[in-house]
Amino acid sequence: MSAVFKKLLGHFRSLAEKLLDLKDAPHSLAGGVAIGMFIGFTPLFGVKTLLCIAAAYALRCNPLAAVIAVSLHDVVTPFWPVLLELEFKMGEFVLNILGGGGREPMPTHLHVHDVMKWTTFLDIGLPMLVGSVFLAVPGAAAGYFLTLPVFQRRAAKRAAKAP
């Protein structure tokens, strides 16, 4: 195993341990994980952490669990090109159905000055954002229902140790 891979694996293991060491209600922790997983699938790079914190406070879930979960979600970074294309195609499909199919196909070549235009966000970003919901909802549900029993067992062990 390469040193880089070992270091990366150690980083994710450390994040998972920090998540398990949090002290809060199991529902709050699992809700934070679900929020982190949901926002982790969105193409909102650069603001995911802030969105996790805000959503966790608004939904009364653990914000640290949300931030750790969105950081753990970075394990899919090598697959982002595939995920973004999938999100774009699903979002474009849904928007075509909702809009009556009148959307123009995406150009195959974009220039730098085209990327900085607001209309480019509507042509590319909006379909990706809409399509990301179809990956984010199952990911968030899986995150919640897989971690809730773990947090419940952890809370029961802590309660049994307390005098």
C-alpha atoms as a PDB file:
ATOM      1  CA  MET A   1       0.000   0.000   0.000  1.00  0.00           C
ATOM      2  CA  SER A   2       1.383   3.409  -0.884  1.00  0.00           C
ATOM      3  CA  ALA A   3       2.134   6.016   1.762  1.00  0.00           C
ATOM      4  CA  VAL A   4      -0.370   8.455   0.251  1.00  0.00           C
ATOM      5  CA  PHE A   5      -3.151   5.878   0.381  1.00  0.00           C
ATOM      6  CA  LYS A   6      -2.317   5.008   4.009  1.00  0.00           C
ATOM      7  CA  LYS A   7      -2.351   8.681   4.948  1.00  0.00           C
ATOM      8  CA  LEU A   8      -5.691   9.225   3.200  1.00  0.00           C
ATOM      9  CA  LEU A   9      -7.177   6.140   4.859  1.00  0.00           C
ATOM     10  CA  GLY A  10      -5.904   7.366   8.237  1.00  0.00           C
ATOM     11  CA  HIS A  11      -7.535  10.757   7.638  1.00  0.00           C
ATOM     12  CA  PHE A  12     -10.940   9.215   6.924  1.00  0.00           C
ATOM     13  CA  ARG A  13     -10.589   6.841   9.891  1.00  0.00           C
ATOM     14  CA  SER A  14      -9.815   9.834  12.104  1.00  0.00           C
ATOM     15  CA  LEU A  15     -12.929  11.647  10.869  1.00  0.00           C
ATOM     16  CA  ALA A  16     -15.072   8.568  11.533  1.00  0.00           C
ATOM     17  CA  GLU A  17     -13.677   8.290  15.072  1.00  0.00           C
ATOM     18  CA  LYS A  18     -14.409  11.976  15.707  1.00  0.00           C
ATOM     19  CA  LEU A  19     -17.958  11.400  14.510  1.00  0.00           C
ATOM     20  CA  LEU A  20     -18.417   8.467  16.890  1.00  0.00           C
ATOM     21  CA  ASP A  21     -16.973  10.436  19.811  1.00  0.00           C
ATOM     22  CA  LEU A  22     -19.549  13.240  19.553  1.00  0.00           C
ATOM     23  CA  LYS A  23     -21.893  13.445  22.518  1.00  0.00           C
ATOM     24  CA  ASP A  24     -25.450  14.303  21.554  1.00  0.00           C
ATOM     25  CA  ALA A  25     -28.794  12.582  21.083  1.00  0.00           C
ATOM     26  CA  PRO A  26     -28.612   9.740  18.530  1.00  0.00           C
ATOM     27  CA  HIS A  27     -31.323  11.344  16.396  1.00  0.00           C
ATOM     28  CA  SER A  28     -29.429  14.649  16.320  1.00  0.00           C
ATOM     29  CA  LEU A  29     -26.172  12.964  15.314  1.00  0.00           C
ATOM     30  CA  ALA A  30     -27.791  10.786  12.643  1.00  0.00           C
ATOM     31  CA  GLY A  31     -29.657  13.853  11.348  1.00  0.00           C
ATOM     32  CA  GLY A  32     -26.351  15.699  11.093  1.00  0.00           C
ATOM     33  CA  VAL A  33     -24.884  12.813   9.099  1.00  0.00           C
ATOM     34  CA  ALA A  34     -27.907  12.860   6.785  1.00  0.00           C
ATOM     35  CA  ILE A  35     -27.541  16.603   6.238  1.00  0.00           C
ATOM     36  CA  GLY A  36     -23.840  16.198   5.467  1.00  0.00           C
ATOM     37  CA  MET A  37     -24.537  13.376   3.023  1.00  0.00           C
ATOM     38  CA  PHE A  38     -27.303  15.344   1.312  1.00  0.00           C
ATOM     39  CA  ILE A  39     -25.248  18.491   0.870  1.00  0.00           C
ATOM     40  CA  GLY A  40     -22.191  16.434  -0.056  1.00  0.00           C
ATOM     41  CA  PHE A  41     -23.890  15.305  -3.270  1.00  0.00           C
ATOM     42  CA  THR A  42     -24.725  18.831  -4.411  1.00  0.00           C
ATOM     43  CA  PRO A  43     -22.418  20.641  -6.849  1.00  0.00           C
ATOM     44  CA  LEU A  44     -22.133  23.624  -4.503  1.00  0.00           C
ATOM     45  CA  PHE A  45     -18.371  23.453  -4.074  1.00  0.00           C
ATOM     46  CA  GLY A  46     -16.946  26.016  -1.695  1.00  0.00           C
ATOM     47  CA  VAL A  47     -20.080  26.534   0.393  1.00  0.00           C
ATOM     48  CA  LYS A  48     -20.932  22.981   1.477  1.00  0.00           C
ATOM     49  CA  THR A  49     -19.558  23.393   5.002  1.00  0.00           C
ATOM     50  CA  LEU A  50     -21.477  26.620   5.602  1.00  0.00           C
ATOM     51  CA  LEU A  51     -24.655  25.077   4.206  1.00  0.00           C
ATOM     52  CA  CYS A  52     -24.212  22.051   6.497  1.00  0.00           C
ATOM     53  CA  ILE A  53     -23.876  24.235   9.562  1.00  0.00           C
ATOM     54  CA  ALA A  54     -26.883  26.374   8.639  1.00  0.00           C
ATOM     55  CA  ALA A  55     -29.084  23.381   7.780  1.00  0.00           C
ATOM     56  CA  ALA A  56     -28.084  21.542  10.956  1.00  0.00           C
ATOM     57  CA  TYR A  57     -28.987  24.515  13.129  1.00  0.00           C
ATOM     58  CA  ALA A  58     -32.246  25.062  11.253  1.00  0.00           C
ATOM     59  CA  LEU A  59     -33.223  21.387  11.585  1.00  0.00           C
ATOM     60  CA  ARG A  60     -31.909  21.090  15.175  1.00  0.00           C
ATOM     61  CA  CYS A  61     -29.322  18.471  14.305  1.00  0.00           C
ATOM     62  CA  ASN A  62     -25.692  18.251  15.298  1.00  0.00           C
ATOM     63  CA  PRO A  63     -23.693  20.676  13.119  1.00  0.00           C
ATOM     64  CA  LEU A  64     -20.375  18.938  13.825  1.00  0.00           C
ATOM     65  CA  ALA A  65     -21.811  15.633  12.615  1.00  0.00           C
ATOM     66  CA  ALA A  66     -22.962  17.378   9.429  1.00  0.00           C
ATOM     67  CA  VAL A  67     -19.546  18.930   8.806  1.00  0.00           C
ATOM     68  CA  ILE A  68     -17.746  15.647   9.463  1.00  0.00           C
ATOM     69  CA  ALA A  69     -20.149  13.763   7.183  1.00  0.00           C
ATOM     70  CA  VAL A  70     -19.671  16.229   4.338  1.00  0.00           C
ATOM     71  CA  SER A  71     -15.912  15.834   4.831  1.00  0.00           C
ATOM     72  CA  LEU A  72     -16.242  12.043   4.775  1.00  0.00           C
ATOM     73  CA  HIS A  73     -18.212  12.433   1.572  1.00  0.00           C
ATOM     74  CA  ASP A  74     -14.973  13.586  -0.057  1.00  0.00           C
ATOM     75  CA  VAL A  75     -14.116   9.922  -0.504  1.00  0.00           C
ATOM     76  CA  VAL A  76     -16.090  10.102  -3.780  1.00  0.00           C
ATOM     77  CA  THR A  77     -13.870  12.900  -5.124  1.00  0.00           C
ATOM     78  CA  PRO A  78     -12.268  10.674  -7.793  1.00  0.00           C
ATOM     79  CA  PHE A  79     -15.762   9.923  -9.120  1.00  0.00           C
ATOM     80  CA  TRP A  80     -16.962  13.556  -9.320  1.00  0.00           C
ATOM     81  CA  PRO A  81     -16.716  13.830 -13.113  1.00  0.00           C
ATOM     82  CA  VAL A  82     -19.010  10.823 -13.498  1.00  0.00           C
ATOM     83  CA  LEU A  83     -21.368  11.974 -10.728  1.00  0.00           C
ATOM     84  CA  LEU A  84     -21.604  15.511 -12.092  1.00  0.00           C
ATOM     85  CA  GLU A  85     -22.381  14.235 -15.585  1.00  0.00           C
ATOM     86  CA  LEU A  86     -25.024  11.897 -14.158  1.00  0.00           C
ATOM     87  CA  GLU A  87     -26.525  14.724 -12.090  1.00  0.00           C
ATOM     88  CA  PHE A  88     -26.531  17.010 -15.126  1.00  0.00           C
ATOM     89  CA  LYS A  89     -28.276  14.433 -17.340  1.00  0.00           C
ATOM     90  CA  MET A  90     -30.906  13.628 -14.697  1.00  0.00           C
ATOM     91  CA  GLY A  91     -31.530  17.303 -13.986  1.00  0.00           C
ATOM     92  CA  GLU A  92     -31.743  18.152 -17.682  1.00  0.00           C
ATOM     93  CA  PHE A  93     -34.233  15.315 -18.158  1.00  0.00           C
ATOM     94  CA  VAL A  94     -36.424  16.546 -15.278  1.00  0.00           C
ATOM     95  CA  LEU A  95     -36.240  20.186 -16.385  1.00  0.00           C
ATOM     96  CA  ASN A  96     -37.170  19.201 -19.950  1.00  0.00           C
ATOM     97  CA  ILE A  97     -40.210  17.336 -18.643  1.00  0.00           C
ATOM     98  CA  LEU A  98     -41.254  20.224 -16.379  1.00  0.00           C
ATOM     99  CA  GLY A  99     -40.504  22.876 -18.980  1.00  0.00           C
ATOM    100  CA  GLY A 100     -42.120  21.133 -21.919  1.00  0.00           C
ATOM    101  CA  GLY A 101     -38.895  20.009 -23.569  1.00  0.00           C
ATOM    102  CA  GLY A 102     -37.919  23.399 -24.954  1.00  0.00           C
ATOM    103  CA  ARG A 103     -34.395  23.491 -23.501  1.00  0.00           C
ATOM    104  CA  GLU A 104     -31.527  24.059 -25.880  1.00  0.00           C
ATOM    105  CA  PRO A 105     -28.825  21.354 -25.936  1.00  0.00           C
ATOM    106  CA  MET A 106     -25.548  22.226 -24.223  1.00  0.00           C
ATOM    107  CA  PRO A 107     -22.719  23.393 -26.466  1.00  0.00           C
ATOM    108  CA  THR A 108     -19.851  20.927 -26.682  1.00  0.00           C
ATOM    109  CA  HIS A 109     -17.163  23.609 -26.335  1.00  0.00           C
ATOM    110  CA  LEU A 110     -17.160  26.359 -23.735  1.00  0.00           C
ATOM    111  CA  HIS A 111     -14.720  29.247 -23.653  1.00  0.00           C
ATOM    112  CA  VAL A 112     -13.520  30.907 -20.456  1.00  0.00           C
ATOM    113  CA  HIS A 113     -15.635  34.011 -21.068  1.00  0.00           C
ATOM    114  CA  ASP A 114     -18.717  31.771 -21.441  1.00  0.00           C
ATOM    115  CA  VAL A 115     -18.150  30.139 -18.049  1.00  0.00           C
ATOM    116  CA  MET A 116     -18.297  33.495 -16.259  1.00  0.00           C
ATOM    117  CA  LYS A 117     -21.776  34.352 -17.583  1.00  0.00           C
ATOM    118  CA  TRP A 118     -24.878  34.027 -15.412  1.00  0.00           C
ATOM    119  CA  THR A 119     -26.727  32.228 -18.203  1.00  0.00           C
ATOM    120  CA  THR A 120     -24.095  29.495 -18.157  1.00  0.00           C
ATOM    121  CA  PHE A 121     -25.012  28.783 -14.537  1.00  0.00           C
ATOM    122  CA  LEU A 122     -28.642  28.398 -15.561  1.00  0.00           C
ATOM    123  CA  ASP A 123     -27.677  26.115 -18.438  1.00  0.00           C
ATOM    124  CA  ILE A 124     -25.211  23.928 -16.520  1.00  0.00           C
ATOM    125  CA  GLY A 125     -25.561  24.555 -12.771  1.00  0.00           C
ATOM    126  CA  LEU A 126     -29.332  24.366 -12.492  1.00  0.00           C
ATOM    127  CA  PRO A 127     -29.636  20.927 -14.126  1.00  0.00           C
ATOM    128  CA  MET A 128     -26.774  19.652 -11.946  1.00  0.00           C
ATOM    129  CA  LEU A 129     -28.430  21.034  -8.823  1.00  0.00           C
ATOM    130  CA  VAL A 130     -31.803  19.501  -9.716  1.00  0.00           C
ATOM    131  CA  GLY A 131     -30.197  16.180 -10.663  1.00  0.00           C
ATOM    132  CA  SER A 132     -28.160  16.071  -7.468  1.00  0.00           C
ATOM    133  CA  VAL A 133     -31.379  15.704  -5.470  1.00  0.00           C
ATOM    134  CA  PHE A 134     -31.866  12.242  -7.003  1.00  0.00           C
ATOM    135  CA  LEU A 135     -28.539  11.107  -5.544  1.00  0.00           C
ATOM    136  CA  ALA A 136     -28.657  13.202  -2.373  1.00  0.00           C
ATOM    137  CA  VAL A 137     -31.993  11.971  -1.005  1.00  0.00           C
ATOM    138  CA  PRO A 138     -31.094   8.251  -1.060  1.00  0.00           C
ATOM    139  CA  GLY A 139     -27.609   9.075   0.252  1.00  0.00           C
ATOM    140  CA  ALA A 140     -29.026  11.097   3.134  1.00  0.00           C
ATOM    141  CA  ALA A 141     -31.610   8.421   3.965  1.00  0.00           C
ATOM    142  CA  ALA A 142     -28.925   5.724   3.947  1.00  0.00           C
ATOM    143  CA  GLY A 143     -26.667   7.889   6.096  1.00  0.00           C
ATOM    144  CA  TYR A 144     -29.433   8.448   8.652  1.00  0.00           C
ATOM    145  CA  PHE A 145     -30.716   4.902   8.887  1.00  0.00           C
ATOM    146  CA  LEU A 146     -27.240   3.313   8.923  1.00  0.00           C
ATOM    147  CA  THR A 147     -25.832   5.589  11.610  1.00  0.00           C
ATOM    148  CA  LEU A 148     -28.863   5.889  13.904  1.00  0.00           C
ATOM    149  CA  PRO A 149     -28.494   2.348  15.363  1.00  0.00           C
ATOM    150  CA  VAL A 150     -24.747   2.916  15.812  1.00  0.00           C
ATOM    151  CA  PHE A 151     -25.365   6.141  17.750  1.00  0.00           C
ATOM    152  CA  GLN A 152     -28.147   4.492  19.772  1.00  0.00           C
ATOM    153  CA  ARG A 153     -25.837   1.630  20.808  1.00  0.00           C
ATOM    154  CA  ARG A 154     -23.105   4.148  21.650  1.00  0.00           C
ATOM    155  CA  ALA A 155     -25.545   6.161  23.812  1.00  0.00           C
ATOM    156  CA  ALA A 156     -26.740   2.995  25.586  1.00  0.00           C
ATOM    157  CA  LYS A 157     -23.136   2.009  26.393  1.00  0.00           C
ATOM    158  CA  ARG A 158     -22.398   5.482  27.734  1.00  0.00           C
ATOM    159  CA  ALA A 159     -25.564   5.414  29.856  1.00  0.00           C
ATOM    160  CA  ALA A 160     -24.624   1.986  31.271  1.00  0.00           C
ATOM    161  CA  LYS A 161     -21.157   3.261  32.259  1.00  0.00           C
ATOM    162  CA  ALA A 162     -22.505   6.401  33.936  1.00  0.00           C
ATOM    163  CA  PRO A 163     -23.019   6.066  37.730  1.00  0.00           C
END
